[in-house]
Amino acid sequence: MNFTNNDIHEHGAQYLANSLQENKILTILNFGYNQIGDQGAKYFADVLEYNETLIEIDLSANRIGNSGLRHLANALQKNKTLKTIHLGFNEIGDDGVKHLADALQENKTLITLDLQWNRVNNYGAQYLANALRQNKTLTELNLGYNPIGNDGKESLGKILQNNSETKIIF
């Protein structure tokens, strides 16, 4: 289902998310380029926590910050079906990525994580590197256009030395 670029805010996200919680058919949800913010991310986190059919969700460019990512990360710890999540072009920084990295240590289904064009720095990269030491299912991590310095890239590079299956985009 494609809701891309419809100027949907948190209240619209709430109504749509409520209708999707019991969904038994939908597998891909594209909600990119709207304005749901952190509160809207919380509503979609509720969907991810209980929905058993979604395999891909795009929440790119939705003004989601660390608080919204914390809710999504908590849901990813419980979700058993999602394979791809797009979170690029948001306002996510190291604090949010810490919660996500914690979730990746529990989640065994996510294959692709898109975090391009956010605010991830060295600390966030190191959190993700630590998570990837345990998580063997995530095979594509897009960190393009984040202000990650040499220390963060080095931490992630060490993971690639021991894991030829994972592709990290800087």
Protein backbone atom coordinates (compact mmCIF):
# COMPACT_ATOMS: atom_id res chain seq x y z
CA MET A 1 0.00 0.00 0.00
CA ASN A 2 1.45 3.35 -1.02
CA PHE A 3 0.78 6.53 0.96
CA THR A 4 3.94 8.32 -0.19
CA ASN A 5 4.03 12.11 -0.17
CA ASN A 6 0.46 12.75 0.99
CA ASP A 7 1.21 15.33 3.70
CA ILE A 8 -0.13 12.97 6.36
CA HIS A 9 0.56 14.11 9.92
CA GLU A 10 0.42 12.27 13.24
CA HIS A 11 -3.39 12.19 13.48
CA GLY A 12 -3.73 10.64 10.03
CA ALA A 13 -0.99 8.20 10.95
CA GLN A 14 -2.94 7.24 14.06
CA TYR A 15 -6.08 6.36 12.10
CA LEU A 16 -4.18 4.42 9.46
CA ALA A 17 -2.04 2.60 12.01
CA ASN A 18 -5.11 1.58 14.00
CA SER A 19 -6.67 0.08 10.89
CA LEU A 20 -3.47 -1.84 10.08
CA GLN A 21 -3.00 -3.53 13.45
CA GLU A 22 -5.38 -6.35 12.60
CA ASN A 23 -4.39 -6.52 8.93
CA LYS A 24 -3.83 -10.06 7.68
CA ILE A 25 -3.03 -9.28 4.02
CA LEU A 26 -0.78 -6.25 3.56
CA THR A 27 2.93 -7.08 3.24
CA ILE A 28 4.47 -3.78 2.09
CA LEU A 29 3.62 -0.33 3.45
CA ASN A 30 5.14 2.79 1.90
CA PHE A 31 4.52 5.79 4.11
CA GLY A 32 7.54 7.85 3.08
CA TYR A 33 7.65 11.62 2.67
CA ASN A 34 4.86 12.53 5.04
CA GLN A 35 4.98 14.43 8.34
CA ILE A 36 4.18 11.86 11.02
CA GLY A 37 6.98 12.81 13.44
CA ASP A 38 7.82 10.92 16.61
CA GLN A 39 4.20 10.46 17.67
CA GLY A 40 3.29 8.97 14.30
CA ALA A 41 6.28 6.64 14.59
CA LYS A 42 4.84 5.45 17.90
CA TYR A 43 1.58 4.54 16.16
CA PHE A 44 3.44 2.55 13.52
CA ALA A 45 5.52 0.90 16.24
CA ASP A 46 2.25 -0.43 17.65
CA VAL A 47 1.50 -1.89 14.21
CA LEU A 48 4.91 -3.56 13.98
CA GLU A 49 4.57 -5.01 17.45
CA TYR A 50 1.42 -6.97 16.60
CA ASN A 51 1.20 -7.25 12.82
CA GLU A 52 2.29 -10.62 11.43
CA THR A 53 2.21 -9.94 7.69
CA LEU A 54 4.29 -6.81 7.04
CA ILE A 55 7.69 -7.61 5.58
CA GLU A 56 8.64 -4.07 4.48
CA ILE A 57 7.85 -0.59 5.76
CA ASP A 58 9.08 2.75 4.45
CA LEU A 59 8.98 5.62 6.93
CA SER A 60 11.58 7.76 5.14
CA ALA A 61 11.41 11.56 5.37
CA ASN A 62 8.85 11.75 8.16
CA ARG A 63 10.64 13.97 10.72
CA ILE A 64 11.22 10.96 12.97
CA GLY A 65 13.79 11.62 15.68
CA ASN A 66 15.33 9.69 18.53
CA SER A 67 12.08 9.38 20.48
CA GLY A 68 10.21 7.93 17.51
CA LEU A 69 13.03 5.52 16.77
CA ARG A 70 12.97 4.34 20.38
CA HIS A 71 9.34 3.26 19.91
CA LEU A 72 10.13 1.56 16.60
CA ALA A 73 13.14 -0.20 18.12
CA ASN A 74 11.04 -1.57 20.97
CA ALA A 75 8.60 -2.97 18.42
CA LEU A 76 11.41 -4.52 16.37
CA GLN A 77 12.48 -6.52 19.41
CA LYS A 78 9.12 -8.31 19.25
CA ASN A 79 8.43 -8.31 15.51
CA LYS A 80 9.02 -11.65 13.76
CA THR A 81 8.17 -10.82 10.13
CA LEU A 82 9.66 -7.47 9.05
CA LYS A 83 12.62 -7.86 6.70
CA THR A 84 13.15 -4.26 5.52
CA ILE A 85 12.72 -0.87 7.18
CA HIS A 86 13.49 2.43 5.48
CA LEU A 87 14.21 5.28 7.89
CA GLY A 88 16.32 7.55 5.70
CA PHE A 89 15.96 11.33 5.54
CA ASN A 90 14.77 11.68 9.13
CA GLU A 91 16.25 13.33 12.24
CA ILE A 92 17.70 10.23 13.89
CA GLY A 93 20.87 10.60 15.92
CA ASP A 94 23.09 8.47 18.10
CA ASP A 95 20.63 8.24 21.00
CA GLY A 96 17.96 6.72 18.77
CA VAL A 97 20.46 4.42 17.11
CA LYS A 98 21.47 3.09 20.54
CA HIS A 99 17.90 1.81 21.04
CA LEU A 100 17.89 0.40 17.52
CA ALA A 101 21.21 -1.38 18.09
CA ASP A 102 19.79 -2.94 21.25
CA ALA A 103 16.79 -4.15 19.24
CA LEU A 104 19.04 -5.64 16.56
CA GLN A 105 20.58 -7.89 19.17
CA GLU A 106 17.13 -9.45 19.68
CA ASN A 107 15.64 -9.20 16.19
CA LYS A 108 16.43 -12.14 13.92
CA THR A 109 14.35 -11.27 10.84
CA LEU A 110 15.45 -7.80 9.68
CA ILE A 111 17.67 -8.04 6.60
CA THR A 112 17.80 -4.44 5.32
CA LEU A 113 18.07 -1.26 7.40
CA ASP A 114 18.15 2.11 5.65
CA LEU A 115 19.37 5.01 7.81
CA GLN A 116 20.78 7.26 5.09
CA TRP A 117 20.69 11.04 5.49
CA ASN A 118 20.19 11.14 9.26
CA ARG A 119 22.37 12.44 12.09
CA VAL A 120 24.30 9.29 12.97
CA ASN A 121 27.83 10.02 14.22
CA ASN A 122 30.72 7.89 15.50
CA TYR A 123 28.85 6.74 18.61
CA GLY A 124 25.87 5.55 16.58
CA ALA A 125 28.18 3.69 14.20
CA GLN A 126 29.87 2.01 17.16
CA TYR A 127 26.50 1.00 18.63
CA LEU A 128 25.57 -0.57 15.30
CA ALA A 129 28.94 -2.32 15.03
CA ASN A 130 28.42 -3.87 18.46
CA ALA A 131 24.95 -5.05 17.43
CA LEU A 132 26.26 -6.58 14.21
CA ARG A 133 28.68 -8.72 16.19
CA GLN A 134 25.65 -10.67 17.43
CA ASN A 135 23.09 -10.09 14.70
CA LYS A 136 23.83 -12.29 11.70
CA THR A 137 20.60 -11.69 9.76
CA LEU A 138 21.07 -8.01 8.86
CA THR A 139 22.91 -8.07 5.55
CA GLU A 140 22.40 -4.53 4.25
CA LEU A 141 22.93 -1.36 6.29
CA ASN A 142 22.72 1.99 4.52
CA LEU A 143 24.41 4.77 6.48
CA GLY A 144 25.11 7.01 3.48
CA TYR A 145 25.34 10.76 4.05
CA ASN A 146 25.58 10.58 7.83
CA PRO A 147 28.34 12.52 9.64
CA ILE A 148 30.21 9.36 10.66
CA GLY A 149 33.90 9.97 11.26
CA ASN A 150 36.87 7.67 10.92
CA ASP A 151 36.37 6.02 14.32
CA GLY A 152 32.83 4.97 13.47
CA LYS A 153 33.81 3.74 10.02
CA GLU A 154 36.68 1.79 11.52
CA SER A 155 34.34 0.09 14.01
CA LEU A 156 32.01 -0.96 11.22
CA GLY A 157 34.91 -1.94 8.98
CA LYS A 158 36.11 -4.44 11.56
CA ILE A 159 32.70 -6.11 11.40
CA LEU A 160 33.05 -6.49 7.64
CA GLN A 161 36.38 -8.28 8.06
CA ASN A 162 34.63 -11.09 9.91
CA ASN A 163 31.31 -10.98 8.08
CA SER A 164 31.41 -11.20 4.30
CA GLU A 165 27.60 -11.42 4.09
CA THR A 166 26.94 -7.89 5.34
CA LYS A 167 27.06 -4.85 3.07
CA ILE A 168 27.43 -1.42 4.67
CA ILE A 169 26.96 1.72 2.59
CA PHE A 170 28.65 4.91 3.81
